[in-house]
């Protein structure tokens, strides 16, 4: 059995961010243990939004070191672990472009910037940077059990992300339940 790399942890964000279901996906992903190459996914959503995932951990980053950020959480780079409260020259980020503004999310560094007509500003995030988000996810799940409510993120959400990821690796795989 071949193992895919960790693209699912970004793919699962897109339906949540767009508030829409994935209707098609294409791309290329790495297989664990094989020579790495640039990974990418292009997703189309039912509401017309487009999501693009580009992950390149096999070459040097094109960002300039001055474009970095002080990381508020542990991060990972081409040379391995980067401890919290240190300079991260090439932090991973998610860029979200909308009709009323844009967001830049530094997911490991625990920073969020909003740019809209009124301003360009940083939005303060809870002070639980990675890897504490895993604890927050577990706390959310436990709250749903205690309240006898469905979890915020369901098993179906995971299946949808997995189908999209597998379709990146094999275009014959359907992203829909009924196909």
N, C-alpha and C. Protein backbone atom coordinates (compact mmCIF):
# COMPACT_ATOMS: atom_id res chain seq x y z
N UNK A 1 0.83 -1.18 0.00
CA UNK A 1 0.00 0.00 0.00
C UNK A 1 0.88 1.25 0.00
N UNK A 2 0.61 2.15 -0.92
CA UNK A 2 1.36 3.40 -0.98
C UNK A 2 0.70 4.42 -0.08
N UNK A 3 1.53 5.24 0.57
CA UNK A 3 1.00 6.27 1.45
C UNK A 3 1.17 7.64 0.82
N UNK A 4 0.10 8.41 0.86
CA UNK A 4 0.16 9.77 0.33
C UNK A 4 0.71 10.69 1.42
N UNK A 5 1.24 11.82 0.99
CA UNK A 5 1.72 12.80 1.95
C UNK A 5 0.54 13.56 2.56
N UNK A 6 0.79 14.61 3.31
CA UNK A 6 -0.21 15.20 4.19
C UNK A 6 -1.09 16.29 3.60
N UNK A 7 -1.33 16.29 2.32
CA UNK A 7 -2.15 17.32 1.69
C UNK A 7 -3.58 17.40 2.21
N UNK A 8 -4.08 16.33 2.79
CA UNK A 8 -5.47 16.34 3.28
C UNK A 8 -5.69 17.39 4.35
N UNK A 9 -4.64 17.72 5.11
CA UNK A 9 -4.80 18.69 6.18
C UNK A 9 -4.98 20.11 5.67
N UNK A 10 -4.74 20.35 4.42
CA UNK A 10 -5.07 21.64 3.81
C UNK A 10 -6.35 21.53 2.99
N UNK A 11 -6.51 20.42 2.29
CA UNK A 11 -7.71 20.23 1.47
C UNK A 11 -8.97 20.34 2.31
N UNK A 12 -8.95 19.81 3.53
CA UNK A 12 -10.16 19.82 4.35
C UNK A 12 -10.59 21.23 4.76
N UNK A 13 -9.70 22.22 4.64
CA UNK A 13 -10.06 23.60 4.96
C UNK A 13 -10.91 24.27 3.88
N UNK A 14 -10.72 23.87 2.64
CA UNK A 14 -11.35 24.58 1.53
C UNK A 14 -12.88 24.57 1.57
N UNK A 15 -13.54 23.43 1.76
CA UNK A 15 -15.02 23.48 1.83
C UNK A 15 -15.51 24.36 2.97
N UNK A 16 -14.78 24.36 4.08
CA UNK A 16 -15.16 25.20 5.21
C UNK A 16 -14.98 26.68 4.87
N UNK A 17 -13.85 27.03 4.26
CA UNK A 17 -13.58 28.42 3.91
C UNK A 17 -14.54 28.95 2.84
N UNK A 18 -14.91 28.11 1.89
CA UNK A 18 -15.77 28.55 0.80
C UNK A 18 -17.25 28.35 1.10
N UNK A 19 -17.56 27.60 2.16
CA UNK A 19 -18.94 27.25 2.49
C UNK A 19 -19.63 26.61 1.29
N UNK A 20 -18.90 25.72 0.63
CA UNK A 20 -19.42 25.08 -0.57
C UNK A 20 -18.75 23.72 -0.74
N UNK A 21 -19.40 22.86 -1.49
CA UNK A 21 -18.83 21.53 -1.72
C UNK A 21 -17.92 21.52 -2.94
N UNK A 22 -16.93 20.64 -2.91
CA UNK A 22 -16.01 20.46 -4.03
C UNK A 22 -16.75 19.70 -5.12
N UNK A 23 -16.71 20.22 -6.36
CA UNK A 23 -17.36 19.53 -7.47
C UNK A 23 -16.35 18.90 -8.42
N UNK A 24 -15.11 19.40 -8.42
CA UNK A 24 -14.07 18.76 -9.23
C UNK A 24 -12.71 19.10 -8.64
N UNK A 25 -11.76 18.20 -8.90
CA UNK A 25 -10.40 18.41 -8.41
C UNK A 25 -9.42 17.75 -9.37
N UNK A 26 -8.30 18.40 -9.54
CA UNK A 26 -7.22 17.84 -10.34
C UNK A 26 -5.90 18.27 -9.70
N UNK A 27 -4.84 17.54 -9.97
CA UNK A 27 -3.56 17.92 -9.41
C UNK A 27 -2.55 16.81 -9.42
N UNK A 28 -1.55 16.94 -8.56
CA UNK A 28 -0.50 15.94 -8.41
C UNK A 28 -0.02 15.96 -6.97
N UNK A 29 0.20 14.79 -6.42
CA UNK A 29 0.68 14.69 -5.05
C UNK A 29 1.85 13.73 -4.94
N UNK A 30 2.57 13.86 -3.86
CA UNK A 30 3.72 12.98 -3.60
C UNK A 30 3.28 11.70 -2.92
N UNK A 31 4.03 10.66 -3.16
CA UNK A 31 3.87 9.38 -2.47
C UNK A 31 5.02 9.28 -1.48
N UNK A 32 4.70 8.98 -0.22
CA UNK A 32 5.74 8.87 0.81
C UNK A 32 6.82 7.90 0.38
N UNK A 33 8.06 8.31 0.54
CA UNK A 33 9.19 7.46 0.21
C UNK A 33 9.71 7.64 -1.20
N UNK A 34 8.95 8.26 -2.08
CA UNK A 34 9.41 8.51 -3.44
C UNK A 34 10.04 9.90 -3.52
N UNK A 35 10.77 10.17 -4.58
CA UNK A 35 11.42 11.46 -4.76
C UNK A 35 10.36 12.56 -4.75
N UNK A 36 10.47 13.55 -3.86
CA UNK A 36 9.43 14.58 -3.78
C UNK A 36 9.45 15.52 -4.97
N UNK A 37 8.29 16.03 -5.29
CA UNK A 37 8.12 17.02 -6.34
C UNK A 37 7.06 18.01 -5.84
N UNK A 38 6.90 19.10 -6.55
CA UNK A 38 5.89 20.08 -6.17
C UNK A 38 4.51 19.43 -6.24
N UNK A 39 3.74 19.58 -5.17
CA UNK A 39 2.38 19.06 -5.12
C UNK A 39 1.41 20.21 -5.37
N UNK A 40 0.29 19.89 -6.03
CA UNK A 40 -0.71 20.94 -6.26
C UNK A 40 -2.08 20.30 -6.42
N UNK A 41 -3.10 21.08 -6.11
CA UNK A 41 -4.48 20.67 -6.32
C UNK A 41 -5.26 21.91 -6.75
N UNK A 42 -6.10 21.74 -7.73
CA UNK A 42 -7.00 22.79 -8.18
C UNK A 42 -8.41 22.27 -7.98
N UNK A 43 -9.18 22.97 -7.14
CA UNK A 43 -10.53 22.54 -6.80
C UNK A 43 -11.55 23.55 -7.27
N UNK A 44 -12.63 23.04 -7.83
CA UNK A 44 -13.78 23.87 -8.22
C UNK A 44 -14.88 23.59 -7.21
N UNK A 45 -15.63 24.63 -6.82
CA UNK A 45 -16.68 24.49 -5.83
C UNK A 45 -18.04 24.80 -6.44
N UNK A 46 -19.08 24.25 -5.83
CA UNK A 46 -20.44 24.42 -6.33
C UNK A 46 -20.85 25.89 -6.42
N UNK A 47 -20.33 26.74 -5.54
CA UNK A 47 -20.70 28.16 -5.55
C UNK A 47 -19.86 29.00 -6.51
N UNK A 48 -19.00 28.36 -7.32
CA UNK A 48 -18.18 29.07 -8.29
C UNK A 48 -16.79 29.42 -7.79
N UNK A 49 -16.52 29.24 -6.52
CA UNK A 49 -15.19 29.53 -5.98
C UNK A 49 -14.17 28.53 -6.52
N UNK A 50 -12.93 28.94 -6.52
CA UNK A 50 -11.82 28.11 -6.96
C UNK A 50 -10.81 28.06 -5.81
N UNK A 51 -10.31 26.88 -5.53
CA UNK A 51 -9.27 26.73 -4.51
C UNK A 51 -8.03 26.14 -5.13
N UNK A 52 -6.90 26.70 -4.79
CA UNK A 52 -5.63 26.20 -5.31
C UNK A 52 -4.71 25.91 -4.15
N UNK A 53 -4.17 24.72 -4.13
CA UNK A 53 -3.22 24.32 -3.10
C UNK A 53 -1.89 24.05 -3.79
N UNK A 54 -0.86 24.71 -3.32
CA UNK A 54 0.49 24.51 -3.86
C UNK A 54 1.39 24.24 -2.67
N UNK A 55 2.03 23.09 -2.69
CA UNK A 55 2.90 22.71 -1.59
C UNK A 55 4.22 22.24 -2.18
N UNK A 56 5.30 22.93 -1.81
CA UNK A 56 6.59 22.60 -2.38
C UNK A 56 7.62 22.55 -1.28
N UNK A 57 7.83 21.37 -0.75
CA UNK A 57 8.81 21.20 0.32
C UNK A 57 10.09 20.56 -0.21
N UNK A 58 10.22 20.52 -1.55
CA UNK A 58 11.38 19.84 -2.13
C UNK A 58 12.38 20.82 -2.75
N UNK A 59 12.07 22.11 -2.74
CA UNK A 59 13.00 23.10 -3.27
C UNK A 59 13.11 24.24 -2.27
N UNK A 60 14.03 25.13 -2.52
CA UNK A 60 14.16 26.31 -1.68
C UNK A 60 13.04 27.28 -2.01
N UNK A 61 12.56 27.97 -1.01
CA UNK A 61 11.45 28.91 -1.13
C UNK A 61 11.89 30.12 -1.94
N UNK A 62 10.97 30.72 -2.68
CA UNK A 62 11.26 31.93 -3.46
C UNK A 62 11.00 33.19 -2.66
N UNK A 63 10.36 33.06 -1.47
CA UNK A 63 10.16 34.25 -0.63
C UNK A 63 11.50 34.79 -0.18
N UNK A 64 11.56 36.09 0.00
CA UNK A 64 12.77 36.71 0.52
C UNK A 64 12.77 36.61 2.04
N UNK A 65 13.93 36.45 2.67
CA UNK A 65 13.96 36.31 4.13
C UNK A 65 13.25 37.45 4.86
N UNK A 66 13.27 38.65 4.31
CA UNK A 66 12.61 39.78 4.97
C UNK A 66 11.09 39.63 4.97
N UNK A 67 10.56 38.70 4.17
CA UNK A 67 9.12 38.46 4.14
C UNK A 67 8.68 37.50 5.24
N UNK A 68 9.59 37.08 6.07
CA UNK A 68 9.29 36.15 7.14
C UNK A 68 8.52 36.79 8.27
N UNK A 69 8.43 36.03 9.37
CA UNK A 69 7.62 36.46 10.50
C UNK A 69 8.14 35.80 11.77
N UNK A 70 7.97 36.44 12.90
CA UNK A 70 8.27 35.77 14.16
C UNK A 70 7.14 34.80 14.44
N UNK A 71 7.48 33.55 14.59
CA UNK A 71 6.50 32.52 14.80
C UNK A 71 6.03 32.49 16.25
N UNK A 72 4.73 32.50 16.46
CA UNK A 72 4.19 32.38 17.80
C UNK A 72 3.98 30.91 18.18
N UNK A 73 4.25 30.02 17.25
CA UNK A 73 4.12 28.59 17.52
C UNK A 73 5.24 27.84 16.85
N UNK A 74 5.41 26.60 17.24
CA UNK A 74 6.41 25.75 16.58
C UNK A 74 6.08 25.66 15.10
N UNK A 75 7.10 25.63 14.28
CA UNK A 75 6.92 25.54 12.84
C UNK A 75 7.96 24.58 12.27
N UNK A 76 7.83 24.32 10.98
CA UNK A 76 8.77 23.42 10.30
C UNK A 76 9.22 24.09 9.02
N UNK A 77 10.49 23.93 8.71
CA UNK A 77 11.05 24.50 7.51
C UNK A 77 11.98 23.51 6.84
N UNK A 78 12.67 23.94 5.82
CA UNK A 78 13.54 23.06 5.04
C UNK A 78 14.63 22.43 5.90
N UNK A 79 15.02 23.10 6.99
CA UNK A 79 16.04 22.57 7.88
C UNK A 79 15.46 21.91 9.13
N UNK A 80 14.15 21.67 9.14
CA UNK A 80 13.53 20.98 10.28
C UNK A 80 12.75 21.90 11.19
N UNK A 81 12.73 21.57 12.47
CA UNK A 81 11.92 22.25 13.48
C UNK A 81 12.38 23.69 13.72
N UNK A 82 11.41 24.60 13.84
CA UNK A 82 11.67 25.99 14.19
C UNK A 82 10.88 26.26 15.47
N UNK A 83 11.58 26.52 16.58
CA UNK A 83 10.86 26.73 17.85
C UNK A 83 10.05 28.02 17.85
N UNK A 84 9.03 28.06 18.72
CA UNK A 84 8.20 29.25 18.88
C UNK A 84 9.07 30.44 19.28
N UNK A 85 8.57 31.62 18.97
CA UNK A 85 9.21 32.89 19.33
C UNK A 85 10.56 33.10 18.65
N UNK A 86 10.75 32.50 17.48
CA UNK A 86 11.96 32.72 16.69
C UNK A 86 11.55 33.17 15.29
N UNK A 87 12.51 33.73 14.57
CA UNK A 87 12.27 34.20 13.20
C UNK A 87 12.12 33.01 12.28
N UNK A 88 11.05 33.02 11.49
CA UNK A 88 10.82 31.99 10.48
C UNK A 88 10.88 32.70 9.13
N UNK A 89 11.98 32.48 8.41
CA UNK A 89 12.22 33.22 7.17
C UNK A 89 11.21 32.87 6.07
N UNK A 90 10.70 31.67 6.04
CA UNK A 90 9.79 31.25 4.98
C UNK A 90 8.58 30.52 5.57
N UNK A 91 7.72 31.22 6.28
CA UNK A 91 6.59 30.54 6.92
C UNK A 91 5.52 30.13 5.91
N UNK A 92 4.95 28.96 6.13
CA UNK A 92 3.84 28.54 5.29
C UNK A 92 2.64 29.43 5.54
N UNK A 93 1.87 29.69 4.51
CA UNK A 93 0.68 30.53 4.70
C UNK A 93 -0.42 30.13 3.74
N UNK A 94 -1.61 30.52 4.11
CA UNK A 94 -2.80 30.33 3.28
C UNK A 94 -3.26 31.72 2.88
N UNK A 95 -3.49 31.92 1.59
CA UNK A 95 -3.97 33.21 1.08
C UNK A 95 -5.41 33.01 0.61
N UNK A 96 -6.29 33.84 1.11
CA UNK A 96 -7.71 33.75 0.78
C UNK A 96 -8.12 35.08 0.16
N UNK A 97 -8.58 35.03 -1.09
CA UNK A 97 -8.96 36.23 -1.81
C UNK A 97 -10.48 36.25 -1.95
N UNK A 98 -11.10 37.34 -1.53
CA UNK A 98 -12.55 37.48 -1.62
C UNK A 98 -12.94 38.80 -2.23
N UNK A 99 -14.22 38.97 -2.46
CA UNK A 99 -14.72 40.19 -3.08
C UNK A 99 -14.76 41.35 -2.09
N UNK A 100 -14.72 41.07 -0.77
CA UNK A 100 -14.76 42.14 0.23
C UNK A 100 -13.46 42.25 1.02
N UNK A 101 -12.46 41.47 0.65
CA UNK A 101 -11.17 41.54 1.34
C UNK A 101 -10.39 40.27 1.13
N UNK A 102 -9.22 40.24 1.72
CA UNK A 102 -8.37 39.06 1.64
C UNK A 102 -7.78 38.76 3.00
N UNK A 103 -7.42 37.50 3.20
CA UNK A 103 -6.79 37.05 4.44
C UNK A 103 -5.48 36.39 4.11
N UNK A 104 -4.53 36.55 4.99
CA UNK A 104 -3.28 35.79 4.90
C UNK A 104 -3.11 35.12 6.26
N UNK A 105 -3.14 33.80 6.24
CA UNK A 105 -3.10 33.00 7.45
C UNK A 105 -1.76 32.29 7.53
N UNK A 106 -0.98 32.60 8.53
CA UNK A 106 0.26 31.88 8.79
C UNK A 106 -0.08 30.81 9.81
N UNK A 107 -0.43 29.62 9.30
CA UNK A 107 -1.03 28.57 10.13
C UNK A 107 -0.09 28.03 11.21
N UNK A 108 1.18 27.88 10.95
CA UNK A 108 2.09 27.42 12.00
C UNK A 108 2.54 28.57 12.89
N UNK A 109 2.70 29.75 12.31
CA UNK A 109 3.18 30.90 13.07
C UNK A 109 2.09 31.55 13.92
N UNK A 110 0.83 31.15 13.69
CA UNK A 110 -0.30 31.64 14.48
C UNK A 110 -0.54 33.13 14.29
N UNK A 111 -0.51 33.58 13.02
CA UNK A 111 -0.78 34.98 12.68
C UNK A 111 -1.86 35.03 11.60
N UNK A 112 -2.70 36.05 11.67
CA UNK A 112 -3.76 36.26 10.69
C UNK A 112 -3.80 37.74 10.33
N UNK A 113 -3.78 38.05 9.03
CA UNK A 113 -3.84 39.43 8.54
C UNK A 113 -5.05 39.59 7.63
N UNK A 114 -5.78 40.68 7.83
CA UNK A 114 -6.95 41.02 7.02
C UNK A 114 -6.65 42.27 6.23
N UNK A 115 -6.95 42.24 4.93
CA UNK A 115 -6.78 43.41 4.06
C UNK A 115 -8.12 43.65 3.38
N UNK A 116 -8.72 44.80 3.64
CA UNK A 116 -9.96 45.16 2.97
C UNK A 116 -9.96 46.66 2.67
N UNK A 117 -11.10 47.21 2.27
CA UNK A 117 -11.15 48.63 1.90
C UNK A 117 -10.77 49.54 3.05
N UNK A 118 -11.09 49.13 4.28
CA UNK A 118 -10.84 49.99 5.43
C UNK A 118 -9.40 49.95 5.90
N UNK A 119 -8.75 48.79 5.83
CA UNK A 119 -7.43 48.71 6.45
C UNK A 119 -6.69 47.43 6.05
N UNK A 120 -5.45 47.41 6.48
CA UNK A 120 -4.63 46.21 6.50
C UNK A 120 -4.25 46.05 7.96
N UNK A 121 -4.71 44.95 8.59
CA UNK A 121 -4.45 44.81 10.02
C UNK A 121 -4.27 43.35 10.40
N UNK A 122 -3.63 43.17 11.52
CA UNK A 122 -3.46 41.84 12.09
C UNK A 122 -4.62 41.58 13.04
N UNK A 123 -5.17 40.39 12.96
CA UNK A 123 -6.23 39.97 13.87
C UNK A 123 -5.60 39.08 14.92
N UNK A 124 -5.83 39.43 16.18
CA UNK A 124 -5.26 38.65 17.28
C UNK A 124 -5.92 37.27 17.35
N UNK A 125 -5.12 36.24 17.45
CA UNK A 125 -5.61 34.87 17.54
C UNK A 125 -5.44 34.36 18.96
N UNK A 126 -6.21 33.33 19.32
CA UNK A 126 -6.00 32.73 20.65
C UNK A 126 -4.55 32.32 20.82
N UNK A 127 -4.05 32.45 22.01
CA UNK A 127 -2.63 32.17 22.25
C UNK A 127 -2.38 30.68 22.48
N UNK A 128 -2.88 29.87 21.57
CA UNK A 128 -2.62 28.43 21.61
C UNK A 128 -2.09 28.01 20.24
N UNK A 129 -0.89 28.44 19.90
CA UNK A 129 -0.34 28.12 18.58
C UNK A 129 0.00 26.63 18.47
N UNK A 130 0.28 26.18 17.25
CA UNK A 130 0.63 24.78 17.05
C UNK A 130 1.74 24.34 17.98
N UNK A 131 1.69 23.13 18.46
CA UNK A 131 0.73 22.07 18.14
C UNK A 131 -0.49 22.07 19.05
N UNK A 132 -0.77 23.15 19.78
CA UNK A 132 -1.91 23.18 20.70
C UNK A 132 -3.25 23.06 19.99
N UNK A 133 -3.29 23.34 18.67
CA UNK A 133 -4.57 23.23 17.96
C UNK A 133 -5.12 21.81 18.04
N UNK A 134 -4.26 20.83 18.17
CA UNK A 134 -4.75 19.46 18.29
C UNK A 134 -5.51 19.27 19.59
N UNK A 135 -5.04 19.89 20.66
CA UNK A 135 -5.76 19.85 21.93
C UNK A 135 -7.09 20.56 21.83
N UNK A 136 -7.12 21.70 21.10
CA UNK A 136 -8.36 22.43 20.92
C UNK A 136 -9.37 21.60 20.13
N UNK A 137 -8.88 20.84 19.14
CA UNK A 137 -9.76 19.97 18.37
C UNK A 137 -10.36 18.88 19.25
N UNK A 138 -9.52 18.30 20.11
CA UNK A 138 -10.02 17.26 21.01
C UNK A 138 -11.02 17.83 22.01
N UNK A 139 -10.76 19.05 22.53
CA UNK A 139 -11.69 19.68 23.45
C UNK A 139 -13.04 19.91 22.78
N UNK A 140 -13.03 20.34 21.53
CA UNK A 140 -14.27 20.55 20.78
C UNK A 140 -15.03 19.23 20.64
N UNK A 141 -14.34 18.18 20.33
CA UNK A 141 -14.97 16.86 20.18
C UNK A 141 -15.57 16.40 21.50
N UNK A 142 -14.85 16.59 22.59
CA UNK A 142 -15.34 16.19 23.92
C UNK A 142 -16.58 17.00 24.29
N UNK A 143 -16.57 18.32 23.98
CA UNK A 143 -17.75 19.15 24.26
C UNK A 143 -18.97 18.61 23.52
N UNK A 144 -18.77 18.18 22.27
CA UNK A 144 -19.91 17.66 21.50
C UNK A 144 -20.44 16.37 22.12
N UNK A 145 -19.57 15.54 22.66
CA UNK A 145 -20.01 14.31 23.32
C UNK A 145 -20.81 14.65 24.58
N UNK A 146 -20.26 15.54 25.41
CA UNK A 146 -20.94 15.92 26.65
C UNK A 146 -22.30 16.58 26.38
N UNK A 147 -22.39 17.35 25.32
CA UNK A 147 -23.64 18.04 24.99
C UNK A 147 -24.57 17.18 24.14
N UNK A 148 -24.13 15.96 23.81
CA UNK A 148 -24.91 15.07 22.95
C UNK A 148 -25.28 15.76 21.63
N UNK A 149 -24.29 16.45 21.06
CA UNK A 149 -24.43 17.18 19.81
C UNK A 149 -23.48 16.60 18.77
N UNK A 150 -23.79 16.77 17.49
CA UNK A 150 -22.83 16.32 16.47
C UNK A 150 -21.53 17.12 16.59
N UNK A 151 -20.39 16.52 16.27
CA UNK A 151 -19.13 17.26 16.33
C UNK A 151 -19.10 18.37 15.29
N UNK A 152 -18.29 19.40 15.57
CA UNK A 152 -18.15 20.50 14.62
C UNK A 152 -17.63 20.01 13.27
N UNK A 153 -16.72 19.06 13.32
CA UNK A 153 -16.17 18.45 12.10
C UNK A 153 -16.60 16.99 12.13
N UNK A 154 -17.35 16.60 11.12
CA UNK A 154 -17.94 15.26 11.10
C UNK A 154 -17.08 14.27 10.33
N UNK A 155 -17.42 13.02 10.48
CA UNK A 155 -16.76 11.98 9.70
C UNK A 155 -16.96 12.20 8.21
N UNK A 156 -18.13 12.71 7.85
CA UNK A 156 -18.42 13.00 6.43
C UNK A 156 -17.48 14.07 5.90
N UNK A 157 -17.15 15.06 6.73
CA UNK A 157 -16.17 16.08 6.31
C UNK A 157 -14.84 15.43 5.97
N UNK A 158 -14.42 14.47 6.78
CA UNK A 158 -13.17 13.75 6.53
C UNK A 158 -13.23 12.93 5.25
N UNK A 159 -14.37 12.28 5.01
CA UNK A 159 -14.53 11.47 3.79
C UNK A 159 -14.46 12.35 2.56
N UNK A 160 -15.10 13.52 2.61
CA UNK A 160 -15.07 14.45 1.47
C UNK A 160 -13.64 14.88 1.17
N UNK A 161 -12.88 15.24 2.20
CA UNK A 161 -11.49 15.65 2.01
C UNK A 161 -10.65 14.50 1.47
N UNK A 162 -10.88 13.29 1.99
CA UNK A 162 -10.14 12.13 1.51
C UNK A 162 -10.43 11.84 0.05
N UNK A 163 -11.69 11.92 -0.35
CA UNK A 163 -12.03 11.70 -1.77
C UNK A 163 -11.33 12.73 -2.66
N UNK A 164 -11.31 13.98 -2.23
CA UNK A 164 -10.64 15.02 -3.02
C UNK A 164 -9.15 14.73 -3.12
N UNK A 165 -8.54 14.35 -2.00
CA UNK A 165 -7.11 14.04 -2.01
C UNK A 165 -6.82 12.85 -2.93
N UNK A 166 -7.60 11.80 -2.82
CA UNK A 166 -7.37 10.62 -3.66
C UNK A 166 -7.57 10.94 -5.13
N UNK A 167 -8.51 11.85 -5.46
CA UNK A 167 -8.72 12.24 -6.85
C UNK A 167 -7.52 13.00 -7.40
N UNK A 168 -6.75 13.67 -6.53
CA UNK A 168 -5.51 14.33 -6.97
C UNK A 168 -4.53 13.27 -7.46
N UNK A 169 -4.48 12.15 -6.76
CA UNK A 169 -3.55 11.07 -7.10
C UNK A 169 -4.05 10.20 -8.25
N UNK A 170 -5.35 10.08 -8.38
CA UNK A 170 -5.93 9.22 -9.41
C UNK A 170 -7.22 9.85 -9.92
N UNK A 171 -7.21 10.46 -11.11
CA UNK A 171 -8.38 11.17 -11.62
C UNK A 171 -9.60 10.26 -11.86
N UNK A 172 -9.41 8.95 -11.83
CA UNK A 172 -10.55 8.04 -12.01
C UNK A 172 -11.40 7.95 -10.74
N UNK A 173 -10.88 8.45 -9.62
CA UNK A 173 -11.61 8.40 -8.36
C UNK A 173 -12.61 9.54 -8.32
N UNK A 174 -13.86 9.21 -7.99
CA UNK A 174 -14.92 10.20 -7.92
C UNK A 174 -14.90 10.90 -6.57
N UNK A 175 -15.21 12.18 -6.59
CA UNK A 175 -15.31 12.92 -5.33
C UNK A 175 -16.74 12.89 -4.81
N UNK A 176 -17.64 12.30 -5.54
CA UNK A 176 -19.06 12.23 -5.14
C UNK A 176 -19.40 10.89 -4.53
N UNK A 177 -20.35 10.88 -3.61
CA UNK A 177 -20.86 9.66 -2.96
C UNK A 177 -21.46 8.66 -3.93
N UNK A 178 -22.28 9.17 -4.83
CA UNK A 178 -23.14 8.33 -5.65
C UNK A 178 -22.50 7.85 -6.95
N UNK A 179 -21.21 8.03 -7.11
CA UNK A 179 -20.60 7.64 -8.39
C UNK A 179 -19.61 6.53 -8.19
